[in-house]
């Protein structure tokens, strides 16, 4: 049985409606939203990405 599900991390700082997204997996038992610092390739900085 697979205990992981696919999620999308999206940047909370957007410029002109463009948002960077990352796809990853997380444990099903973890109900907390993931918040990570990832590289935003649109504005070329490390920004905060949140699970949507």
N, C-alpha and C. Protein backbone atom coordinates (compact mmCIF):
# COMPACT_ATOMS: atom_id res chain seq x y z
N UNK A 1 0.84 -1.19 0.00
CA UNK A 1 0.00 0.00 0.00
C UNK A 1 0.89 1.25 0.00
N UNK A 2 0.51 2.21 -0.79
CA UNK A 2 1.28 3.44 -0.92
C UNK A 2 0.82 4.45 0.14
N UNK A 3 1.73 4.92 0.99
CA UNK A 3 1.40 5.86 2.06
C UNK A 3 1.73 7.31 1.69
N UNK A 4 1.90 7.59 0.40
CA UNK A 4 2.29 8.92 -0.01
C UNK A 4 1.28 9.46 -1.03
N UNK A 5 1.10 10.77 -1.02
CA UNK A 5 0.23 11.39 -2.02
C UNK A 5 0.95 12.56 -2.67
N UNK A 6 0.58 12.84 -3.90
CA UNK A 6 1.20 13.94 -4.64
C UNK A 6 0.62 15.27 -4.19
N UNK A 7 1.49 16.27 -4.04
CA UNK A 7 1.04 17.61 -3.67
C UNK A 7 1.75 18.64 -4.54
N UNK A 8 1.22 19.85 -4.53
CA UNK A 8 1.79 20.96 -5.28
C UNK A 8 2.19 22.05 -4.30
N UNK A 9 3.42 22.52 -4.41
CA UNK A 9 3.89 23.65 -3.61
C UNK A 9 3.90 24.87 -4.52
N UNK A 10 3.26 25.96 -4.06
CA UNK A 10 3.15 27.16 -4.89
C UNK A 10 3.70 28.35 -4.13
N UNK A 11 4.38 29.23 -4.85
CA UNK A 11 4.98 30.42 -4.25
C UNK A 11 3.89 31.36 -3.74
N UNK A 12 4.09 31.93 -2.55
CA UNK A 12 3.10 32.86 -2.01
C UNK A 12 3.38 34.29 -2.45
N UNK A 13 4.57 34.54 -3.02
CA UNK A 13 4.90 35.86 -3.54
C UNK A 13 4.79 35.77 -5.06
N UNK A 14 3.81 36.47 -5.62
CA UNK A 14 3.61 36.38 -7.07
C UNK A 14 3.91 37.72 -7.72
N UNK A 15 4.36 37.64 -8.95
CA UNK A 15 4.61 38.84 -9.75
C UNK A 15 3.80 38.73 -11.03
N UNK A 16 2.93 39.68 -11.25
CA UNK A 16 2.11 39.75 -12.47
C UNK A 16 1.32 38.46 -12.72
N UNK A 17 0.89 37.82 -11.65
CA UNK A 17 0.08 36.62 -11.78
C UNK A 17 0.86 35.36 -12.08
N UNK A 18 2.18 35.45 -12.26
CA UNK A 18 2.99 34.27 -12.53
C UNK A 18 3.47 33.69 -11.21
N UNK A 19 3.33 32.37 -11.06
CA UNK A 19 3.73 31.71 -9.82
C UNK A 19 4.57 30.49 -10.16
N UNK A 20 5.60 30.27 -9.37
CA UNK A 20 6.40 29.06 -9.56
C UNK A 20 5.76 27.94 -8.75
N UNK A 21 5.80 26.74 -9.30
CA UNK A 21 5.22 25.58 -8.65
C UNK A 21 6.22 24.44 -8.62
N UNK A 22 6.18 23.67 -7.56
CA UNK A 22 6.97 22.46 -7.42
C UNK A 22 6.03 21.32 -7.07
N UNK A 23 6.29 20.14 -7.62
CA UNK A 23 5.50 18.95 -7.36
C UNK A 23 6.32 18.00 -6.52
N UNK A 24 5.71 17.47 -5.46
CA UNK A 24 6.41 16.56 -4.57
C UNK A 24 5.40 15.61 -3.94
N UNK A 25 5.86 14.76 -3.04
CA UNK A 25 4.99 13.80 -2.35
C UNK A 25 5.11 14.00 -0.85
N UNK A 26 4.06 13.65 -0.13
CA UNK A 26 4.11 13.69 1.33
C UNK A 26 3.33 12.52 1.91
N UNK A 27 3.60 12.24 3.16
CA UNK A 27 2.96 11.13 3.86
C UNK A 27 1.48 11.45 4.06
N UNK A 28 0.62 10.46 3.86
CA UNK A 28 -0.83 10.64 4.02
C UNK A 28 -1.20 10.96 5.46
N UNK A 29 -0.48 10.38 6.42
CA UNK A 29 -0.80 10.56 7.84
C UNK A 29 -0.50 11.97 8.33
N UNK A 30 0.35 12.71 7.62
CA UNK A 30 0.69 14.07 8.00
C UNK A 30 -0.38 15.03 7.48
N UNK A 31 -1.17 15.62 8.39
CA UNK A 31 -2.27 16.51 7.99
C UNK A 31 -1.85 17.96 7.93
N UNK A 32 -0.63 18.29 8.36
CA UNK A 32 -0.17 19.67 8.36
C UNK A 32 0.21 20.10 6.94
N UNK A 33 -0.04 21.37 6.63
CA UNK A 33 0.36 21.92 5.34
C UNK A 33 1.86 22.13 5.33
N UNK A 34 2.50 21.80 4.23
CA UNK A 34 3.94 21.95 4.11
C UNK A 34 4.28 23.38 3.67
N UNK A 35 5.27 23.97 4.34
CA UNK A 35 5.79 25.29 3.97
C UNK A 35 7.30 25.14 3.86
N UNK A 36 7.84 25.41 2.66
CA UNK A 36 9.27 25.26 2.41
C UNK A 36 9.82 26.49 1.70
N UNK A 37 11.10 26.71 1.88
CA UNK A 37 11.79 27.75 1.11
C UNK A 37 12.35 27.08 -0.14
N UNK A 38 11.91 27.52 -1.30
CA UNK A 38 12.36 26.95 -2.57
C UNK A 38 12.79 28.09 -3.49
N UNK A 39 13.50 27.74 -4.54
CA UNK A 39 13.96 28.73 -5.51
C UNK A 39 12.82 29.07 -6.46
N UNK A 40 12.53 30.36 -6.58
CA UNK A 40 11.53 30.83 -7.53
C UNK A 40 12.25 31.23 -8.80
N UNK A 41 12.08 30.46 -9.86
CA UNK A 41 12.81 30.67 -11.10
C UNK A 41 12.30 31.87 -11.90
N UNK A 42 11.14 32.41 -11.53
CA UNK A 42 10.60 33.57 -12.24
C UNK A 42 11.25 34.86 -11.74
N UNK A 43 11.34 35.02 -10.41
CA UNK A 43 11.96 36.23 -9.87
C UNK A 43 13.40 35.99 -9.42
N UNK A 44 13.89 34.76 -9.60
CA UNK A 44 15.28 34.37 -9.32
C UNK A 44 15.71 34.64 -7.89
N UNK A 45 14.88 34.21 -6.95
CA UNK A 45 15.17 34.33 -5.53
C UNK A 45 14.60 33.11 -4.81
N UNK A 46 15.07 32.87 -3.59
CA UNK A 46 14.46 31.86 -2.74
C UNK A 46 13.28 32.47 -2.04
N UNK A 47 12.12 31.86 -2.17
CA UNK A 47 10.89 32.38 -1.57
C UNK A 47 10.19 31.25 -0.83
N UNK A 48 9.15 31.61 -0.11
CA UNK A 48 8.36 30.64 0.64
C UNK A 48 7.30 30.04 -0.27
N UNK A 49 7.25 28.71 -0.29
CA UNK A 49 6.26 27.97 -1.06
C UNK A 49 5.37 27.21 -0.10
N UNK A 50 4.06 27.24 -0.36
CA UNK A 50 3.07 26.60 0.49
C UNK A 50 2.32 25.53 -0.29
N UNK A 51 1.88 24.53 0.43
CA UNK A 51 1.08 23.48 -0.18
C UNK A 51 -0.30 24.02 -0.54
N UNK A 52 -0.78 23.68 -1.75
CA UNK A 52 -2.13 24.11 -2.13
C UNK A 52 -3.04 22.91 -2.27
